[in-house]
C-alpha atoms as a PDB file:
ATOM      1  CA  MET A   1     -10.311  -2.171 -14.586  1.00  0.00           C
ATOM      2  CA  LEU A   2     -12.168  -5.473 -14.762  1.00  0.00           C
ATOM      3  CA  GLU A   3     -15.525  -3.709 -14.601  1.00  0.00           C
ATOM      4  CA  GLU A   4     -14.446  -1.310 -17.353  1.00  0.00           C
ATOM      5  CA  LEU A   5     -13.695  -4.284 -19.616  1.00  0.00           C
ATOM      6  CA  GLY A   6     -17.187  -5.694 -19.287  1.00  0.00           C
ATOM      7  CA  GLU A   7     -15.786  -9.229 -19.382  1.00  0.00           C
ATOM      8  CA  PRO A   8     -16.734 -11.926 -16.852  1.00  0.00           C
ATOM      9  CA  TYR A   9     -14.317 -12.488 -13.991  1.00  0.00           C
ATOM     10  CA  GLU A  10     -14.129 -14.047 -10.561  1.00  0.00           C
ATOM     11  CA  ARG A  11     -13.141 -11.967  -7.548  1.00  0.00           C
ATOM     12  CA  VAL A  12     -11.289 -13.645  -4.723  1.00  0.00           C
ATOM     13  CA  ARG A  13     -11.341 -11.824  -1.414  1.00  0.00           C
ATOM     14  CA  VAL A  14      -8.009 -11.591   0.352  1.00  0.00           C
ATOM     15  CA  ASP A  15      -8.325 -11.126   4.104  1.00  0.00           C
ATOM     16  CA  PHE A  16      -4.941  -9.899   5.235  1.00  0.00           C
ATOM     17  CA  ARG A  17      -5.939 -10.209   8.872  1.00  0.00           C
ATOM     18  CA  SER A  18      -6.327 -13.988   8.702  1.00  0.00           C
ATOM     19  CA  GLY A  19      -3.229 -14.530   6.576  1.00  0.00           C
ATOM     20  CA  GLU A  20      -4.866 -17.525   4.885  1.00  0.00           C
ATOM     21  CA  MET A  21      -4.732 -16.226   1.337  1.00  0.00           C
ATOM     22  CA  GLN A  22      -1.131 -15.035   1.581  1.00  0.00           C
ATOM     23  CA  ASP A  23      -0.093 -18.642   2.233  1.00  0.00           C
ATOM     24  CA  ASP A  24      -2.198 -20.068  -0.598  1.00  0.00           C
ATOM     25  CA  PRO A  25       0.168 -21.555  -3.240  1.00  0.00           C
ATOM     26  CA  GLU A  26      -2.007 -20.487  -6.167  1.00  0.00           C
ATOM     27  CA  PHE A  27      -2.217 -16.908  -4.903  1.00  0.00           C
ATOM     28  CA  ARG A  28       1.532 -16.826  -4.206  1.00  0.00           C
ATOM     29  CA  SER A  29       2.208 -18.094  -7.730  1.00  0.00           C
ATOM     30  CA  ALA A  30       0.490 -14.956  -9.026  1.00  0.00           C
ATOM     31  CA  SER A  31       1.776 -12.648  -6.294  1.00  0.00           C
ATOM     32  CA  PRO A  32       5.139 -13.742  -4.878  1.00  0.00           C
ATOM     33  CA  MET A  33       5.037 -10.889  -2.344  1.00  0.00           C
ATOM     34  CA  GLY A  34       1.563 -11.921  -1.177  1.00  0.00           C
ATOM     35  CA  LYS A  35       0.129  -8.512  -2.088  1.00  0.00           C
ATOM     36  CA  VAL A  36      -2.872  -7.319  -4.059  1.00  0.00           C
ATOM     37  CA  PRO A  37      -3.794  -6.803  -6.761  1.00  0.00           C
ATOM     38  CA  ALA A  38      -2.968 -10.076  -8.443  1.00  0.00           C
ATOM     39  CA  LEU A  39      -4.455 -11.644 -11.541  1.00  0.00           C
ATOM     40  CA  ILE A  40      -4.665 -15.235 -12.689  1.00  0.00           C
ATOM     41  CA  ASP A  41      -5.917 -15.497 -16.260  1.00  0.00           C
ATOM     42  CA  GLY A  42      -5.362 -19.020 -17.527  1.00  0.00           C
ATOM     43  CA  ASP A  43      -1.602 -19.498 -17.584  1.00  0.00           C
ATOM     44  CA  ALA A  44      -0.939 -15.769 -17.134  1.00  0.00           C
ATOM     45  CA  LYS A  45      -0.169 -14.795 -13.543  1.00  0.00           C
ATOM     46  CA  LEU A  46       0.467 -11.154 -12.780  1.00  0.00           C
ATOM     47  CA  TRP A  47       0.920  -8.778  -9.878  1.00  0.00           C
ATOM     48  CA  ASP A  48       1.325  -4.986  -9.922  1.00  0.00           C
ATOM     49  CA  SER A  49      -1.596  -2.815 -10.913  1.00  0.00           C
ATOM     50  CA  GLY A  50       0.215  -1.228 -13.861  1.00  0.00           C
ATOM     51  CA  ALA A  51       1.206  -4.588 -15.332  1.00  0.00           C
ATOM     52  CA  ILE A  52      -2.297  -5.968 -14.819  1.00  0.00           C
ATOM     53  CA  CYS A  53      -3.962  -2.977 -16.478  1.00  0.00           C
ATOM     54  CA  LEU A  54      -1.575  -3.085 -19.444  1.00  0.00           C
ATOM     55  CA  TYR A  55      -2.092  -6.829 -19.867  1.00  0.00           C
ATOM     56  CA  LEU A  56      -5.884  -6.511 -19.752  1.00  0.00           C
ATOM     57  CA  ALA A  57      -5.974  -3.488 -22.070  1.00  0.00           C
ATOM     58  CA  ASP A  58      -3.877  -5.396 -24.613  1.00  0.00           C
ATOM     59  CA  LYS A  59      -5.801  -8.660 -24.231  1.00  0.00           C
ATOM     60  CA  TYR A  60      -9.202  -7.003 -24.653  1.00  0.00           C
ATOM     61  CA  PRO A  61      -8.657  -4.305 -27.309  1.00  0.00           C
ATOM     62  CA  GLN A  62     -12.392  -4.205 -28.054  1.00  0.00           C
ATOM     63  CA  ALA A  63     -12.888  -2.427 -24.704  1.00  0.00           C
ATOM     64  CA  GLY A  64     -10.867   0.527 -26.020  1.00  0.00           C
ATOM     65  CA  LEU A  65      -8.876   0.937 -22.799  1.00  0.00           C
ATOM     66  CA  GLY A  66      -5.452   0.505 -24.371  1.00  0.00           C
ATOM     67  CA  VAL A  67      -3.415   1.998 -27.167  1.00  0.00           C
ATOM     68  CA  PRO A  68      -2.167  -0.366 -29.890  1.00  0.00           C
ATOM     69  CA  ILE A  69       1.567  -1.081 -29.962  1.00  0.00           C
ATOM     70  CA  ASP A  70       1.974   0.568 -33.381  1.00  0.00           C
ATOM     71  CA  ASP A  71       0.109   3.739 -32.386  1.00  0.00           C
ATOM     72  CA  PRO A  72       2.389   6.791 -31.890  1.00  0.00           C
ATOM     73  CA  ASP A  73       0.578   7.475 -28.580  1.00  0.00           C
ATOM     74  CA  ARG A  74       1.487   4.037 -27.150  1.00  0.00           C
ATOM     75  CA  GLY A  75       4.581   5.329 -25.336  1.00  0.00           C
ATOM     76  CA  ARG A  76       2.672   8.167 -23.708  1.00  0.00           C
ATOM     77  CA  PHE A  77      -0.065   5.721 -22.678  1.00  0.00           C
ATOM     78  CA  VAL A  78       2.443   3.352 -21.035  1.00  0.00           C
ATOM     79  CA  GLN A  79       4.180   6.325 -19.415  1.00  0.00           C
ATOM     80  CA  TRP A  80       0.935   7.364 -17.715  1.00  0.00           C
ATOM     81  CA  LEU A  81       0.196   3.773 -16.692  1.00  0.00           C
ATOM     82  CA  MET A  82       3.563   3.604 -14.934  1.00  0.00           C
ATOM     83  CA  PHE A  83       3.270   7.094 -13.431  1.00  0.00           C
ATOM     84  CA  THR A  84       0.941   5.830 -10.706  1.00  0.00           C
ATOM     85  CA  ASN A  85       3.285   3.225  -9.240  1.00  0.00           C
ATOM     86  CA  ALA A  86       6.552   4.986 -10.023  1.00  0.00           C
ATOM     87  CA  VAL A  87       5.651   8.549  -9.060  1.00  0.00           C
ATOM     88  CA  ILE A  88       2.229   9.014  -7.450  1.00  0.00           C
ATOM     89  CA  GLU A  89       2.459   6.216  -4.885  1.00  0.00           C
ATOM     90  CA  PRO A  90       5.899   7.249  -3.533  1.00  0.00           C
ATOM     91  CA  ALA A  91       4.739  10.879  -3.406  1.00  0.00           C
ATOM     92  CA  MET A  92       1.540   9.821  -1.610  1.00  0.00           C
ATOM     93  CA  LEU A  93       3.592   7.896   0.928  1.00  0.00           C
ATOM     94  CA  GLU A  94       5.725  10.973   1.490  1.00  0.00           C
ATOM     95  CA  LYS A  95       2.576  13.001   2.126  1.00  0.00           C
ATOM     96  CA  PHE A  96       0.855  10.362   4.314  1.00  0.00           C
ATOM     97  CA  LEU A  97       3.939   9.985   6.503  1.00  0.00           C
ATOM     98  CA  GLU A  98       4.581  13.729   6.539  1.00  0.00           C
ATOM     99  CA  MET A  99       8.128  13.132   5.363  1.00  0.00           C
ATOM    100  CA  PRO A 100      10.165  16.231   4.584  1.00  0.00           C
ATOM    101  CA  ALA A 101      10.413  16.622   0.820  1.00  0.00           C
ATOM    102  CA  LYS A 102      13.839  15.914  -0.651  1.00  0.00           C
ATOM    103  CA  PRO A 103      13.219  16.305  -4.383  1.00  0.00           C
ATOM    104  CA  THR A 104      16.902  15.925  -5.187  1.00  0.00           C
ATOM    105  CA  THR A 105      17.061  12.460  -3.645  1.00  0.00           C
ATOM    106  CA  TYR A 106      13.582  11.122  -4.346  1.00  0.00           C
ATOM    107  CA  GLY A 107      13.243   9.664  -7.806  1.00  0.00           C
ATOM    108  CA  HIS A 108       9.673  10.912  -8.075  1.00  0.00           C
ATOM    109  CA  GLY A 109      10.501  14.570  -7.493  1.00  0.00           C
ATOM    110  CA  GLY A 110       8.195  15.189  -4.551  1.00  0.00           C
ATOM    111  CA  PHE A 111       4.491  15.602  -3.949  1.00  0.00           C
ATOM    112  CA  GLU A 112       3.908  19.053  -5.452  1.00  0.00           C
ATOM    113  CA  ALA A 113       6.001  18.218  -8.534  1.00  0.00           C
ATOM    114  CA  MET A 114       3.914  15.080  -9.034  1.00  0.00           C
ATOM    115  CA  LEU A 115       0.700  17.115  -8.866  1.00  0.00           C
ATOM    116  CA  ASP A 116       2.101  19.666 -11.334  1.00  0.00           C
ATOM    117  CA  VAL A 117       3.006  16.960 -13.862  1.00  0.00           C
ATOM    118  CA  LEU A 118      -0.345  15.211 -13.517  1.00  0.00           C
ATOM    119  CA  GLU A 119      -2.235  18.466 -13.874  1.00  0.00           C
ATOM    120  CA  ALA A 120      -0.258  19.358 -17.012  1.00  0.00           C
ATOM    121  CA  GLY A 121      -0.933  15.863 -18.359  1.00  0.00           C
ATOM    122  CA  LEU A 122      -4.649  16.511 -18.243  1.00  0.00           C
ATOM    123  CA  GLU A 123      -4.329  19.191 -20.941  1.00  0.00           C
ATOM    124  CA  PRO A 124      -6.368  19.357 -23.105  1.00  0.00           C
ATOM    125  CA  GLY A 125      -8.295  16.659 -21.233  1.00  0.00           C
ATOM    126  CA  PRO A 126     -10.560  15.539 -19.889  1.00  0.00           C
ATOM    127  CA  TRP A 127      -8.412  12.351 -19.684  1.00  0.00           C
ATOM    128  CA  VAL A 128      -4.636  11.898 -19.858  1.00  0.00           C
ATOM    129  CA  MET A 129      -5.005  10.679 -23.445  1.00  0.00           C
ATOM    130  CA  GLY A 130      -7.243  13.616 -24.354  1.00  0.00           C
ATOM    131  CA  GLU A 131     -10.821  12.676 -25.183  1.00  0.00           C
ATOM    132  CA  ARG A 132     -10.121   8.980 -24.730  1.00  0.00           C
ATOM    133  CA  PHE A 133     -10.574   7.210 -21.367  1.00  0.00           C
ATOM    134  CA  THR A 134      -7.930   4.480 -20.991  1.00  0.00           C
ATOM    135  CA  ALA A 135      -6.496   2.048 -18.465  1.00  0.00           C
ATOM    136  CA  ALA A 136      -4.115   4.845 -17.461  1.00  0.00           C
ATOM    137  CA  ASP A 137      -7.116   6.797 -16.165  1.00  0.00           C
ATOM    138  CA  VAL A 138      -8.254   3.750 -14.198  1.00  0.00           C
ATOM    139  CA  LEU A 139      -4.993   3.884 -12.227  1.00  0.00           C
ATOM    140  CA  LEU A 140      -4.497   7.635 -12.117  1.00  0.00           C
ATOM    141  CA  GLY A 141      -8.113   8.339 -11.230  1.00  0.00           C
ATOM    142  CA  SER A 142      -7.980   5.856  -8.390  1.00  0.00           C
ATOM    143  CA  SER A 143      -4.911   7.543  -6.921  1.00  0.00           C
ATOM    144  CA  VAL A 144      -6.320  11.049  -7.260  1.00  0.00           C
ATOM    145  CA  ASP A 145      -9.550   9.837  -5.657  1.00  0.00           C
ATOM    146  CA  VAL A 146      -7.615   8.447  -2.674  1.00  0.00           C
ATOM    147  CA  LEU A 147      -5.758  11.742  -2.283  1.00  0.00           C
ATOM    148  CA  ASP A 148      -9.045  13.613  -2.396  1.00  0.00           C
ATOM    149  CA  LYS A 149     -10.826  11.314   0.068  1.00  0.00           C
ATOM    150  CA  PHE A 150      -7.955  11.581   2.556  1.00  0.00           C
ATOM    151  CA  LYS A 151      -7.968  15.386   2.201  1.00  0.00           C
ATOM    152  CA  LEU A 152      -4.435  15.349   0.787  1.00  0.00           C
ATOM    153  CA  LEU A 153      -5.326  16.895  -2.548  1.00  0.00           C
ATOM    154  CA  PRO A 154      -4.675  20.629  -2.374  1.00  0.00           C
ATOM    155  CA  ASP A 155      -7.078  23.099  -3.932  1.00  0.00           C
ATOM    156  CA  ARG A 156      -6.418  22.119  -7.538  1.00  0.00           C
ATOM    157  CA  PRO A 157      -9.686  22.418  -9.431  1.00  0.00           C
ATOM    158  CA  LYS A 158      -8.465  20.468 -12.473  1.00  0.00           C
ATOM    159  CA  LEU A 159      -7.441  17.467 -10.345  1.00  0.00           C
ATOM    160  CA  LYS A 160     -10.603  17.603  -8.257  1.00  0.00           C
ATOM    161  CA  ALA A 161     -12.694  17.701 -11.449  1.00  0.00           C
ATOM    162  CA  TYR A 162     -10.713  14.734 -12.791  1.00  0.00           C
ATOM    163  CA  ALA A 163     -11.367  12.756  -9.598  1.00  0.00           C
ATOM    164  CA  GLU A 164     -15.076  13.527  -9.869  1.00  0.00           C
ATOM    165  CA  LEU A 165     -15.167  12.556 -13.544  1.00  0.00           C
ATOM    166  CA  CYS A 166     -13.570   9.215 -12.667  1.00  0.00           C
ATOM    167  CA  ARG A 167     -16.023   8.664  -9.790  1.00  0.00           C
ATOM    168  CA  GLU A 168     -18.935   9.169 -12.198  1.00  0.00           C
ATOM    169  CA  ARG A 169     -17.955   6.148 -14.289  1.00  0.00           C
ATOM    170  CA  PRO A 170     -20.511   3.344 -13.869  1.00  0.00           C
ATOM    171  CA  ALA A 171     -17.770   0.690 -13.828  1.00  0.00           C
ATOM    172  CA  LEU A 172     -16.063   2.344 -10.861  1.00  0.00           C
ATOM    173  CA  GLN A 173     -19.348   2.712  -9.012  1.00  0.00           C
ATOM    174  CA  LYS A 174     -20.076  -0.973  -9.553  1.00  0.00           C
ATOM    175  CA  ALA A 175     -16.579  -2.012  -8.436  1.00  0.00           C
ATOM    176  CA  LEU A 176     -16.800   0.102  -5.285  1.00  0.00           C
ATOM    177  CA  ALA A 177     -20.201  -1.382  -4.455  1.00  0.00           C
ATOM    178  CA  LEU A 178     -18.603  -4.844  -4.502  1.00  0.00           C
ATOM    179  CA  ASN A 179     -16.027  -3.888  -1.888  1.00  0.00           C
ATOM    180  CA  GLU A 180     -16.743  -4.791   1.688  1.00  0.00           C
ATOM    181  CA  PRO A 181     -16.264  -2.002   4.193  1.00  0.00           C
ATOM    182  CA  LEU A 182     -13.080  -2.152   6.222  1.00  0.00           C
ATOM    183  CA  THR A 183     -13.712  -2.976   9.865  1.00  0.00           C
END
């Protein structure tokens, strides 16, 4: 998201193996759970990827990654922003852990239902907001990419094409190049 904005920022590496950063008071003030992502922007301190993306999209409207509050599409935009944390991530966990699907008890409706809704949301496409790439695609594309890389994305051409379209974005390529490989 930060690369998509094109604004200067400082990255702080969090090494969960050492535990040093999780005990840092400034980091904990932004992330009480000691998790990433977290954002400190002046007096604003945020955790949760959806909240961070919404905040940044609103703060930097010139980047065109948000939808203005008075736009009729704002609700749909926020809905897709929240879909990642509220629906995709629990469904991914279900799939990763090979948990038996219980759509009647899971609030997210299960893995296949999640894929169906996301696929339908890409109509007419290519992005969830139609022709417009937004912060929602930053989050959704990241999740679909993870599913694809871990071979958890079934043969769904529309979702695979969406993942590839997201991977082609220069901002994502730059952000991935900054990441250190996990060892």
